[in-house]
Amino acid sequence: MSDFEPDEERVESLRSVADDVRGESSESRQIAAILYRVSDLYDEDEDTDPREIYLNVRNILKVKERGGLDR
């Protein structure tokens, strides 16, 4: 993961943006969740890679498309 070296400033920036965009709508909560997942790439305490994040985001979008978890 040499392209994604730990970078606390980047983690904080991405999570700050996620906090700013999070709102009441499911779309804004989804965007915030995606930004948090991307920030994990740069968090030295997280063990993830772009493929794992892609699959996670794809799953989030599929669940949304199907009507959510509570259907």
PDB file of N, CA and C in Angstrom:
ATOM      1  N   MET A   1       0.827  -1.192   0.000  1.00  0.00           N
ATOM      2  CA  MET A   1       0.000   0.000   0.000  1.00  0.00           C
ATOM      3  C   MET A   1       0.868   1.251   0.000  1.00  0.00           C
ATOM      4  N   SER A   2       1.908   1.271  -0.759  1.00  0.00           N
ATOM      5  CA  SER A   2       2.823   2.397  -0.768  1.00  0.00           C
ATOM      6  C   SER A   2       2.165   3.697  -1.212  1.00  0.00           C
ATOM      7  N   ASP A   3       1.111   3.624  -1.990  1.00  0.00           N
ATOM      8  CA  ASP A   3       0.411   4.835  -2.429  1.00  0.00           C
ATOM      9  C   ASP A   3      -0.401   5.473  -1.306  1.00  0.00           C
ATOM     10  N   PHE A   4      -0.624   4.746  -0.251  1.00  0.00           N
ATOM     11  CA  PHE A   4      -1.490   5.205   0.827  1.00  0.00           C
ATOM     12  C   PHE A   4      -0.775   5.155   2.165  1.00  0.00           C
ATOM     13  N   GLU A   5       0.301   5.875   2.249  1.00  0.00           N
ATOM     14  CA  GLU A   5       1.052   5.955   3.493  1.00  0.00           C
ATOM     15  C   GLU A   5       0.205   6.667   4.554  1.00  0.00           C
ATOM     16  N   PRO A   6       0.380   6.302   5.821  1.00  0.00           N
ATOM     17  CA  PRO A   6      -0.369   6.989   6.879  1.00  0.00           C
ATOM     18  C   PRO A   6      -0.216   8.505   6.782  1.00  0.00           C
ATOM     19  N   ASP A   7      -1.326   9.188   6.901  1.00  0.00           N
ATOM     20  CA  ASP A   7      -1.338  10.649   6.781  1.00  0.00           C
ATOM     21  C   ASP A   7      -2.485  11.179   7.643  1.00  0.00           C
ATOM     22  N   GLU A   8      -2.163  11.472   8.903  1.00  0.00           N
ATOM     23  CA  GLU A   8      -3.187  11.890   9.865  1.00  0.00           C
ATOM     24  C   GLU A   8      -3.915  13.151   9.408  1.00  0.00           C
ATOM     25  N   GLU A   9      -3.212  14.063   8.771  1.00  0.00           N
ATOM     26  CA  GLU A   9      -3.852  15.293   8.291  1.00  0.00           C
ATOM     27  C   GLU A   9      -4.907  14.981   7.224  1.00  0.00           C
ATOM     28  N   ARG A  10      -4.595  14.056   6.336  1.00  0.00           N
ATOM     29  CA  ARG A  10      -5.557  13.661   5.302  1.00  0.00           C
ATOM     30  C   ARG A  10      -6.758  12.969   5.929  1.00  0.00           C
ATOM     31  N   VAL A  11      -6.506  12.110   6.915  1.00  0.00           N
ATOM     32  CA  VAL A  11      -7.604  11.434   7.619  1.00  0.00           C
ATOM     33  C   VAL A  11      -8.532  12.477   8.242  1.00  0.00           C
ATOM     34  N   GLU A  12      -7.947  13.426   8.949  1.00  0.00           N
ATOM     35  CA  GLU A  12      -8.752  14.459   9.603  1.00  0.00           C
ATOM     36  C   GLU A  12      -9.527  15.290   8.588  1.00  0.00           C
ATOM     37  N   SER A  13      -8.903  15.623   7.463  1.00  0.00           N
ATOM     38  CA  SER A  13      -9.581  16.422   6.434  1.00  0.00           C
ATOM     39  C   SER A  13     -10.768  15.677   5.844  1.00  0.00           C
ATOM     40  N   LEU A  14     -10.560  14.419   5.477  1.00  0.00           N
ATOM     41  CA  LEU A  14     -11.641  13.633   4.892  1.00  0.00           C
ATOM     42  C   LEU A  14     -12.789  13.447   5.883  1.00  0.00           C
ATOM     43  N   ARG A  15     -12.454  13.173   7.118  1.00  0.00           N
ATOM     44  CA  ARG A  15     -13.504  12.967   8.122  1.00  0.00           C
ATOM     45  C   ARG A  15     -14.218  14.264   8.472  1.00  0.00           C
ATOM     46  N   SER A  16     -13.513  15.376   8.392  1.00  0.00           N
ATOM     47  CA  SER A  16     -14.145  16.671   8.615  1.00  0.00           C
ATOM     48  C   SER A  16     -15.162  16.968   7.508  1.00  0.00           C
ATOM     49  N   VAL A  17     -14.772  16.692   6.274  1.00  0.00           N
ATOM     50  CA  VAL A  17     -15.705  16.879   5.154  1.00  0.00           C
ATOM     51  C   VAL A  17     -16.901  15.952   5.328  1.00  0.00           C
ATOM     52  N   ALA A  18     -16.647  14.717   5.732  1.00  0.00           N
ATOM     53  CA  ALA A  18     -17.738  13.765   5.957  1.00  0.00           C
ATOM     54  C   ALA A  18     -18.708  14.300   7.007  1.00  0.00           C
ATOM     55  N   ASP A  19     -18.175  14.855   8.082  1.00  0.00           N
ATOM     56  CA  ASP A  19     -19.038  15.429   9.122  1.00  0.00           C
ATOM     57  C   ASP A  19     -19.843  16.605   8.586  1.00  0.00           C
ATOM     58  N   ASP A  20     -19.219  17.409   7.703  1.00  0.00           N
ATOM     59  CA  ASP A  20     -19.907  18.565   7.125  1.00  0.00           C
ATOM     60  C   ASP A  20     -21.044  18.166   6.193  1.00  0.00           C
ATOM     61  N   VAL A  21     -20.859  17.110   5.410  1.00  0.00           N
ATOM     62  CA  VAL A  21     -21.895  16.742   4.436  1.00  0.00           C
ATOM     63  C   VAL A  21     -22.979  15.853   5.023  1.00  0.00           C
ATOM     64  N   ARG A  22     -22.694  15.237   6.157  1.00  0.00           N
ATOM     65  CA  ARG A  22     -23.697  14.363   6.767  1.00  0.00           C
ATOM     66  C   ARG A  22     -24.902  15.198   7.164  1.00  0.00           C
ATOM     67  N   GLY A  23     -26.030  14.723   6.770  1.00  0.00           N
ATOM     68  CA  GLY A  23     -27.264  15.418   7.094  1.00  0.00           C
ATOM     69  C   GLY A  23     -28.354  14.413   7.376  1.00  0.00           C
ATOM     70  N   GLU A  24     -29.578  14.842   7.195  1.00  0.00           N
ATOM     71  CA  GLU A  24     -30.723  13.981   7.477  1.00  0.00           C
ATOM     72  C   GLU A  24     -31.057  13.034   6.324  1.00  0.00           C
ATOM     73  N   SER A  25     -30.655  13.393   5.110  1.00  0.00           N
ATOM     74  CA  SER A  25     -31.022  12.549   3.971  1.00  0.00           C
ATOM     75  C   SER A  25     -30.127  11.307   3.919  1.00  0.00           C
ATOM     76  N   SER A  26     -30.681  10.251   3.370  1.00  0.00           N
ATOM     77  CA  SER A  26     -29.907   9.020   3.256  1.00  0.00           C
ATOM     78  C   SER A  26     -28.725   9.210   2.308  1.00  0.00           C
ATOM     79  N   GLU A  27     -28.893  10.059   1.310  1.00  0.00           N
ATOM     80  CA  GLU A  27     -27.808  10.312   0.366  1.00  0.00           C
ATOM     81  C   GLU A  27     -26.620  10.985   1.050  1.00  0.00           C
ATOM     82  N   SER A  28     -26.898  11.984   1.889  1.00  0.00           N
ATOM     83  CA  SER A  28     -25.800  12.671   2.569  1.00  0.00           C
ATOM     84  C   SER A  28     -25.123  11.750   3.573  1.00  0.00           C
ATOM     85  N   ARG A  29     -25.887  10.877   4.204  1.00  0.00           N
ATOM     86  CA  ARG A  29     -25.282   9.900   5.118  1.00  0.00           C
ATOM     87  C   ARG A  29     -24.429   8.898   4.353  1.00  0.00           C
ATOM     88  N   GLN A  30     -24.857   8.522   3.149  1.00  0.00           N
ATOM     89  CA  GLN A  30     -24.063   7.609   2.324  1.00  0.00           C
ATOM     90  C   GLN A  30     -22.740   8.244   1.910  1.00  0.00           C
ATOM     91  N   ILE A  31     -22.796   9.492   1.463  1.00  0.00           N
ATOM     92  CA  ILE A  31     -21.572  10.183   1.054  1.00  0.00           C
ATOM     93  C   ILE A  31     -20.615  10.279   2.241  1.00  0.00           C
ATOM     94  N   ALA A  32     -21.142  10.605   3.405  1.00  0.00           N
ATOM     95  CA  ALA A  32     -20.306  10.692   4.606  1.00  0.00           C
ATOM     96  C   ALA A  32     -19.665   9.336   4.912  1.00  0.00           C
ATOM     97  N   ALA A  33     -20.440   8.265   4.794  1.00  0.00           N
ATOM     98  CA  ALA A  33     -19.903   6.920   5.058  1.00  0.00           C
ATOM     99  C   ALA A  33     -18.798   6.572   4.062  1.00  0.00           C
ATOM    100  N   ILE A  34     -18.982   6.946   2.806  1.00  0.00           N
ATOM    101  CA  ILE A  34     -17.969   6.679   1.784  1.00  0.00           C
ATOM    102  C   ILE A  34     -16.691   7.449   2.102  1.00  0.00           C
ATOM    103  N   LEU A  35     -16.822   8.713   2.481  1.00  0.00           N
ATOM    104  CA  LEU A  35     -15.643   9.510   2.828  1.00  0.00           C
ATOM    105  C   LEU A  35     -14.909   8.920   4.028  1.00  0.00           C
ATOM    106  N   TYR A  36     -15.655   8.451   5.011  1.00  0.00           N
ATOM    107  CA  TYR A  36     -15.007   7.808   6.154  1.00  0.00           C
ATOM    108  C   TYR A  36     -14.245   6.557   5.713  1.00  0.00           C
ATOM    109  N   ARG A  37     -14.846   5.771   4.823  1.00  0.00           N
ATOM    110  CA  ARG A  37     -14.163   4.561   4.343  1.00  0.00           C
ATOM    111  C   ARG A  37     -12.891   4.924   3.599  1.00  0.00           C
ATOM    112  N   VAL A  38     -12.936   5.959   2.758  1.00  0.00           N
ATOM    113  CA  VAL A  38     -11.737   6.385   2.032  1.00  0.00           C
ATOM    114  C   VAL A  38     -10.672   6.876   3.012  1.00  0.00           C
ATOM    115  N   SER A  39     -11.091   7.570   4.053  1.00  0.00           N
ATOM    116  CA  SER A  39     -10.118   8.062   5.032  1.00  0.00           C
ATOM    117  C   SER A  39      -9.375   6.916   5.707  1.00  0.00           C
ATOM    118  N   ASP A  40     -10.005   5.751   5.778  1.00  0.00           N
ATOM    119  CA  ASP A  40      -9.351   4.582   6.384  1.00  0.00           C
ATOM    120  C   ASP A  40      -8.075   4.176   5.645  1.00  0.00           C
ATOM    121  N   LEU A  41      -7.976   4.516   4.356  1.00  0.00           N
ATOM    122  CA  LEU A  41      -6.766   4.206   3.599  1.00  0.00           C
ATOM    123  C   LEU A  41      -5.528   4.867   4.208  1.00  0.00           C
ATOM    124  N   TYR A  42      -5.735   6.018   4.821  1.00  0.00           N
ATOM    125  CA  TYR A  42      -4.623   6.817   5.343  1.00  0.00           C
ATOM    126  C   TYR A  42      -4.477   6.736   6.861  1.00  0.00           C
ATOM    127  N   ASP A  43      -5.348   5.963   7.492  1.00  0.00           N
ATOM    128  CA  ASP A  43      -5.334   5.814   8.946  1.00  0.00           C
ATOM    129  C   ASP A  43      -4.438   4.637   9.312  1.00  0.00           C
ATOM    130  N   GLU A  44      -3.375   4.912  10.048  1.00  0.00           N
ATOM    131  CA  GLU A  44      -2.426   3.839  10.376  1.00  0.00           C
ATOM    132  C   GLU A  44      -3.048   2.751  11.253  1.00  0.00           C
ATOM    133  N   ASP A  45      -4.170   3.036  11.894  1.00  0.00           N
ATOM    134  CA  ASP A  45      -4.834   2.040  12.738  1.00  0.00           C
ATOM    135  C   ASP A  45      -5.797   1.148  11.955  1.00  0.00           C
ATOM    136  N   GLU A  46      -6.008   1.454  10.682  1.00  0.00           N
ATOM    137  CA  GLU A  46      -6.926   0.671   9.845  1.00  0.00           C
ATOM    138  C   GLU A  46      -6.139  -0.203   8.882  1.00  0.00           C
ATOM    139  N   ASP A  47      -6.690  -1.352   8.587  1.00  0.00           N
ATOM    140  CA  ASP A  47      -6.059  -2.268   7.638  1.00  0.00           C
ATOM    141  C   ASP A  47      -7.047  -2.484   6.495  1.00  0.00           C
ATOM    142  N   THR A  48      -6.909  -1.689   5.446  1.00  0.00           N
ATOM    143  CA  THR A  48      -7.826  -1.782   4.313  1.00  0.00           C
ATOM    144  C   THR A  48      -7.073  -1.445   3.038  1.00  0.00           C
ATOM    145  N   ASP A  49      -7.723  -1.672   1.914  1.00  0.00           N
ATOM    146  CA  ASP A  49      -7.125  -1.340   0.628  1.00  0.00           C
ATOM    147  C   ASP A  49      -8.232  -0.819  -0.292  1.00  0.00           C
ATOM    148  N   PRO A  50      -7.851  -0.228  -1.418  1.00  0.00           N
ATOM    149  CA  PRO A  50      -8.862   0.350  -2.315  1.00  0.00           C
ATOM    150  C   PRO A  50      -9.910  -0.661  -2.780  1.00  0.00           C
ATOM    151  N   ARG A  51      -9.498  -1.882  -3.048  1.00  0.00           N
ATOM    152  CA  ARG A  51     -10.465  -2.895  -3.504  1.00  0.00           C
ATOM    153  C   ARG A  51     -11.514  -3.169  -2.428  1.00  0.00           C
ATOM    154  N   GLU A  52     -11.077  -3.312  -1.213  1.00  0.00           N
ATOM    155  CA  GLU A  52     -12.006  -3.564  -0.108  1.00  0.00           C
ATOM    156  C   GLU A  52     -12.987  -2.406   0.048  1.00  0.00           C
ATOM    157  N   ILE A  53     -12.483  -1.196  -0.071  1.00  0.00           N
ATOM    158  CA  ILE A  53     -13.349  -0.020   0.039  1.00  0.00           C
ATOM    159  C   ILE A  53     -14.326   0.024  -1.123  1.00  0.00           C
ATOM    160  N   TYR A  54     -13.853  -0.252  -2.319  1.00  0.00           N
ATOM    161  CA  TYR A  54     -14.723  -0.290  -3.491  1.00  0.00           C
ATOM    162  C   TYR A  54     -15.856  -1.290  -3.277  1.00  0.00           C
ATOM    163  N   LEU A  55     -15.535  -2.489  -2.824  1.00  0.00           N
ATOM    164  CA  LEU A  55     -16.556  -3.512  -2.606  1.00  0.00           C
ATOM    165  C   LEU A  55     -17.544  -3.085  -1.527  1.00  0.00           C
ATOM    166  N   ASN A  56     -17.048  -2.440  -0.480  1.00  0.00           N
ATOM    167  CA  ASN A  56     -17.911  -1.960   0.589  1.00  0.00           C
ATOM    168  C   ASN A  56     -18.864  -0.879   0.080  1.00  0.00           C
ATOM    169  N   VAL A  57     -18.335   0.060  -0.687  1.00  0.00           N
ATOM    170  CA  VAL A  57     -19.160   1.143  -1.237  1.00  0.00           C
ATOM    171  C   VAL A  57     -20.180   0.573  -2.217  1.00  0.00           C
ATOM    172  N   ARG A  58     -19.746  -0.362  -3.034  1.00  0.00           N
ATOM    173  CA  ARG A  58     -20.677  -0.996  -3.979  1.00  0.00           C
ATOM    174  C   ARG A  58     -21.822  -1.673  -3.228  1.00  0.00           C
ATOM    175  N   ASN A  59     -21.500  -2.327  -2.131  1.00  0.00           N
ATOM    176  CA  ASN A  59     -22.535  -2.972  -1.324  1.00  0.00           C
ATOM    177  C   ASN A  59     -23.496  -1.938  -0.734  1.00  0.00           C
ATOM    178  N   ILE A  60     -22.960  -0.832  -0.239  1.00  0.00           N
ATOM    179  CA  ILE A  60     -23.807   0.239   0.305  1.00  0.00           C
ATOM    180  C   ILE A  60     -24.792   0.715  -0.750  1.00  0.00           C
ATOM    181  N   LEU A  61     -24.306   0.935  -1.966  1.00  0.00           N
ATOM    182  CA  LEU A  61     -25.165   1.433  -3.045  1.00  0.00           C
ATOM    183  C   LEU A  61     -26.199   0.394  -3.475  1.00  0.00           C
ATOM    184  N   LYS A  62     -25.833  -0.873  -3.475  1.00  0.00           N
ATOM    185  CA  LYS A  62     -26.788  -1.926  -3.828  1.00  0.00           C
ATOM    186  C   LYS A  62     -27.903  -2.028  -2.787  1.00  0.00           C
ATOM    187  N   VAL A  63     -27.535  -1.941  -1.518  1.00  0.00           N
ATOM    188  CA  VAL A  63     -28.544  -1.996  -0.452  1.00  0.00           C
ATOM    189  C   VAL A  63     -29.506  -0.825  -0.605  1.00  0.00           C
ATOM    190  N   LYS A  64     -28.975   0.362  -0.875  1.00  0.00           N
ATOM    191  CA  LYS A  64     -29.802   1.548  -1.073  1.00  0.00           C
ATOM    192  C   LYS A  64     -30.749   1.352  -2.253  1.00  0.00           C
ATOM    193  N   GLU A  65     -30.213   0.803  -3.347  1.00  0.00           N
ATOM    194  CA  GLU A  65     -31.007   0.575  -4.552  1.00  0.00           C
ATOM    195  C   GLU A  65     -32.164  -0.381  -4.279  1.00  0.00           C
ATOM    196  N   ARG A  66     -31.935  -1.342  -3.408  1.00  0.00           N
ATOM    197  CA  ARG A  66     -32.969  -2.324  -3.069  1.00  0.00           C
ATOM    198  C   ARG A  66     -33.972  -1.818  -2.038  1.00  0.00           C
ATOM    199  N   GLY A  67     -33.760  -0.635  -1.537  1.00  0.00           N
ATOM    200  CA  GLY A  67     -34.715  -0.069  -0.587  1.00  0.00           C
ATOM    201  C   GLY A  67     -34.236  -0.026   0.839  1.00  0.00           C
ATOM    202  N   GLY A  68     -32.976  -0.335   1.089  1.00  0.00           N
ATOM    203  CA  GLY A  68     -32.423  -0.255   2.428  1.00  0.00           C
ATOM    204  C   GLY A  68     -32.415  -1.581   3.153  1.00  0.00           C
ATOM    205  N   LEU A  69     -31.883  -1.537   4.351  1.00  0.00           N
ATOM    206  CA  LEU A  69     -31.771  -2.751   5.163  1.00  0.00           C
ATOM    207  C   LEU A  69     -33.102  -3.166   5.788  1.00  0.00           C
ATOM    208  N   ASP A  70     -33.991  -2.219   5.953  1.00  0.00           N
ATOM    209  CA  ASP A  70     -35.239  -2.492   6.686  1.00  0.00           C
ATOM    210  C   ASP A  70     -36.399  -2.961   5.810  1.00  0.00           C
ATOM    211  N   ARG A  71     -36.152  -3.225   4.550  1.00  0.00           N
ATOM    212  CA  ARG A  71     -37.290  -3.555   3.691  1.00  0.00           C
ATOM    213  C   ARG A  71     -37.895  -4.873   3.984  1.00  0.00           C
TER     214      ARG A  71
END
